[in-house]
Protein backbone atom coordinates (compact mmCIF):
# COMPACT_ATOMS: atom_id res chain seq x y z
CA MET A 1 -0.17 0.19 0.43
CA GLN A 2 1.16 3.03 -1.03
CA SER A 3 0.78 5.93 0.95
CA ASP A 4 -0.62 9.77 0.25
CA HIS A 5 2.33 12.33 0.58
CA ARG A 6 -0.05 15.54 -1.14
CA GLY A 7 -0.43 18.37 0.65
CA THR A 8 1.48 21.29 2.21
CA PRO A 9 5.02 20.57 4.38
CA ASP A 10 3.70 21.40 7.47
CA GLU A 11 0.76 18.77 7.40
CA ARG A 12 2.85 15.32 7.00
CA VAL A 13 6.13 14.04 8.88
CA GLY A 14 6.44 11.22 6.61
CA ASP A 15 3.43 8.89 6.92
CA VAL A 16 1.99 10.24 9.77
CA ASP A 17 -0.85 12.76 8.95
CA LEU A 18 -0.63 15.82 11.19
CA THR A 19 -4.16 17.02 9.80
CA THR A 20 -6.28 14.24 11.38
CA TRP A 21 -6.64 13.55 15.28
CA ARG A 22 -6.86 10.52 16.91
CA THR A 23 -9.24 11.54 19.84
CA ARG A 24 -12.61 13.44 20.17
CA ALA A 25 -11.40 15.79 21.79
CA GLY A 26 -8.14 16.65 20.08
CA GLY A 27 -10.60 16.89 16.96
CA ALA A 28 -12.68 19.51 18.89
CA ALA A 29 -9.70 21.67 20.06
CA ALA A 30 -8.79 21.49 16.80
CA ASP A 31 -11.81 22.58 15.12
CA GLY A 32 -11.95 25.91 17.52
CA TRP A 33 -8.87 26.64 17.13
CA ALA A 34 -9.20 26.97 13.48
CA ALA A 35 -12.54 28.78 14.23
CA LEU A 36 -11.35 31.15 15.68
CA GLY A 37 -8.51 32.12 13.62
CA ARG A 38 -10.86 32.38 10.68
CA ARG A 39 -12.36 35.08 12.68
CA TRP A 40 -10.07 36.95 14.31
CA GLY A 41 -7.18 36.26 11.85
CA ALA A 42 -3.38 33.81 12.07
CA LEU A 43 -1.66 36.54 14.26
CA PRO A 44 -3.80 37.33 16.70
CA LEU A 45 -4.09 33.63 18.06
CA LEU A 46 -0.69 33.58 17.29
CA VAL A 47 -0.24 36.24 20.37
CA VAL A 48 -2.76 34.11 22.32
CA THR A 49 -0.75 30.95 22.23
CA LEU A 50 2.46 32.86 23.09
CA VAL A 51 0.72 34.46 26.27
CA ILE A 52 -0.32 30.87 27.11
CA GLY A 53 3.03 29.07 26.71
CA ILE A 54 4.74 31.50 28.86
CA GLY A 55 1.86 31.26 31.73
CA VAL A 56 2.65 27.49 31.28
CA ALA A 57 6.34 28.05 31.41
CA VAL A 58 5.88 30.93 34.33
CA THR A 59 3.73 28.22 36.43
CA ALA A 60 5.90 25.78 35.43
CA THR A 61 9.35 27.31 36.46
CA TRP A 62 7.14 28.70 40.06
CA ALA A 63 6.27 24.58 40.58
CA ALA A 64 9.33 24.22 40.19
CA SER A 65 10.91 26.62 42.26
CA GLU A 66 9.12 25.64 44.77
CA VAL A 67 10.44 22.03 44.98
CA TYR A 68 13.68 23.64 44.79
CA ASP A 69 13.35 26.02 47.65
CA ALA A 70 12.05 23.06 50.08
CA VAL A 71 15.04 21.58 48.87
CA ARG A 72 17.50 23.96 49.97
CA GLU A 73 15.43 24.99 52.89
CA ALA A 74 15.80 21.07 54.20
CA ASP A 75 12.54 20.56 54.24
CA ASP A 76 9.30 18.65 52.82
CA VAL A 77 11.23 16.64 49.33
CA ALA A 78 14.99 17.12 50.72
CA VAL A 79 14.89 14.18 52.11
CA LEU A 80 15.46 12.61 48.91
CA ASP A 81 18.05 14.83 47.82
CA ARG A 82 21.24 12.92 48.94
CA PRO A 83 19.37 9.11 48.83
CA VAL A 84 18.57 10.10 45.24
CA LEU A 85 22.36 11.70 44.79
CA ASP A 86 23.43 8.09 46.36
CA TRP A 87 21.58 5.71 44.62
CA MET A 88 22.95 7.51 41.41
CA LEU A 89 26.49 7.58 42.33
CA THR A 90 26.01 3.32 42.39
CA LEU A 91 25.19 3.62 38.60
CA ARG A 92 28.39 5.05 37.63
CA SER A 93 31.01 3.27 36.10
CA PRO A 94 33.98 4.41 33.10
CA THR A 95 31.45 3.67 29.91
CA VAL A 96 28.44 5.22 31.99
CA ASP A 97 31.23 8.62 33.28
CA THR A 98 32.82 8.33 29.01
CA LEU A 99 28.30 8.54 27.99
CA VAL A 100 27.12 11.32 30.25
CA THR A 101 30.51 13.62 29.28
CA TRP A 102 29.79 12.78 25.78
CA TRP A 103 25.96 13.81 25.96
CA THR A 104 27.13 17.14 28.49
CA ASP A 105 30.23 18.21 25.65
CA VAL A 106 27.07 17.93 22.53
CA ALA A 107 23.75 18.99 24.95
CA GLY A 108 26.79 22.31 25.71
CA THR A 109 27.23 25.53 25.14
CA ILE A 110 29.32 25.28 22.07
CA GLY A 111 27.71 21.53 20.70
CA MET A 112 24.15 22.59 21.14
CA PRO A 113 24.05 25.64 18.88
CA ILE A 114 26.02 23.99 16.00
CA VAL A 115 23.26 21.10 16.10
CA ALA A 116 20.25 23.86 16.50
CA LEU A 117 21.98 25.69 13.70
CA ALA A 118 22.30 22.49 11.86
CA PHE A 119 18.78 21.80 12.31
CA LEU A 120 17.82 25.06 11.32
CA VAL A 121 19.03 25.37 8.06
CA GLY A 122 18.54 21.83 7.19
CA PHE A 123 14.79 23.12 8.53
CA THR A 124 14.40 26.10 6.21
CA ILE A 125 15.68 24.53 3.28
CA GLN A 126 13.42 21.51 3.38
CA ARG A 127 10.60 23.80 4.33
CA ARG A 128 11.33 26.95 2.36
CA ALA A 129 9.56 28.56 4.78
CA TRP A 130 10.81 31.07 7.75
CA THR A 131 8.34 28.61 10.58
CA PRO A 132 11.65 26.82 11.33
CA LEU A 133 13.43 29.59 12.17
CA VAL A 134 10.79 31.70 13.90
CA LEU A 135 10.50 28.79 16.04
CA LEU A 136 14.10 27.79 17.19
CA VAL A 137 14.63 31.40 17.98
CA GLY A 138 11.73 32.09 20.41
CA ALA A 139 12.41 28.04 22.10
CA SER A 140 16.03 29.70 22.25
CA GLY A 141 15.56 32.43 23.72
CA GLY A 142 12.41 31.03 26.02
CA SER A 143 14.99 28.51 27.16
CA LEU A 144 17.54 31.08 27.67
CA LEU A 145 15.35 32.98 29.63
CA MET A 146 13.96 30.53 31.59
CA THR A 147 17.64 29.04 32.44
CA VAL A 148 18.99 32.36 33.98
CA ALA A 149 15.77 32.93 36.15
CA GLY A 150 15.08 29.85 37.28
CA LYS A 151 19.14 29.45 37.70
CA ASP A 152 18.81 33.31 39.60
CA LEU A 153 15.72 32.63 41.43
CA ILE A 154 16.89 29.30 42.82
CA GLY A 155 20.02 29.72 43.88
CA ARG A 156 20.87 26.30 44.99
CA ALA A 157 24.83 24.91 45.80
CA ARG A 158 25.73 22.64 43.07
CA PRO A 159 26.46 19.46 44.83
CA PRO A 160 30.23 18.68 45.55
CA LEU A 161 32.34 18.56 42.73
CA SER A 162 33.65 15.04 44.13
CA ASP A 163 30.26 13.64 43.25
CA ALA A 164 30.41 15.05 39.41
CA VAL A 165 31.45 13.73 36.80
CA PRO A 166 35.08 14.25 35.30
CA PRO A 167 35.27 16.38 31.90
């Protein structure tokens, strides 16, 4: 059986049709959102989507800061902090240390921008659209903002260097 790959590039990822929903709730939400888009236009809907996304990010950051605050003040979930770290240390081996170091380098301040730029160029060329650029810049900016703000807000001391994976 051959799959039909017609339509715009934003409607499919491989054989997966992104325009159909598996659940009634998903279909209803998509139909409602599309109706709002037809009534008010794409830009207001984009702004509403961004505001909702920012609200979710702020709420998640607040929840995470509450958990970390409880750990830092040694109450509530702090009883799990050291036992979890001790358990993770039992999983260490030279192979795991090498893999973790490799992943840190790939996902670090040098590797991740290179990977992101490669994907950005690839997706932009493939789709011949600005959508990947807008999404990557928005996601990168939001990630950077949440990382900087989260670290300043939480201010938690890192585990001792003796427990760290060697560089």
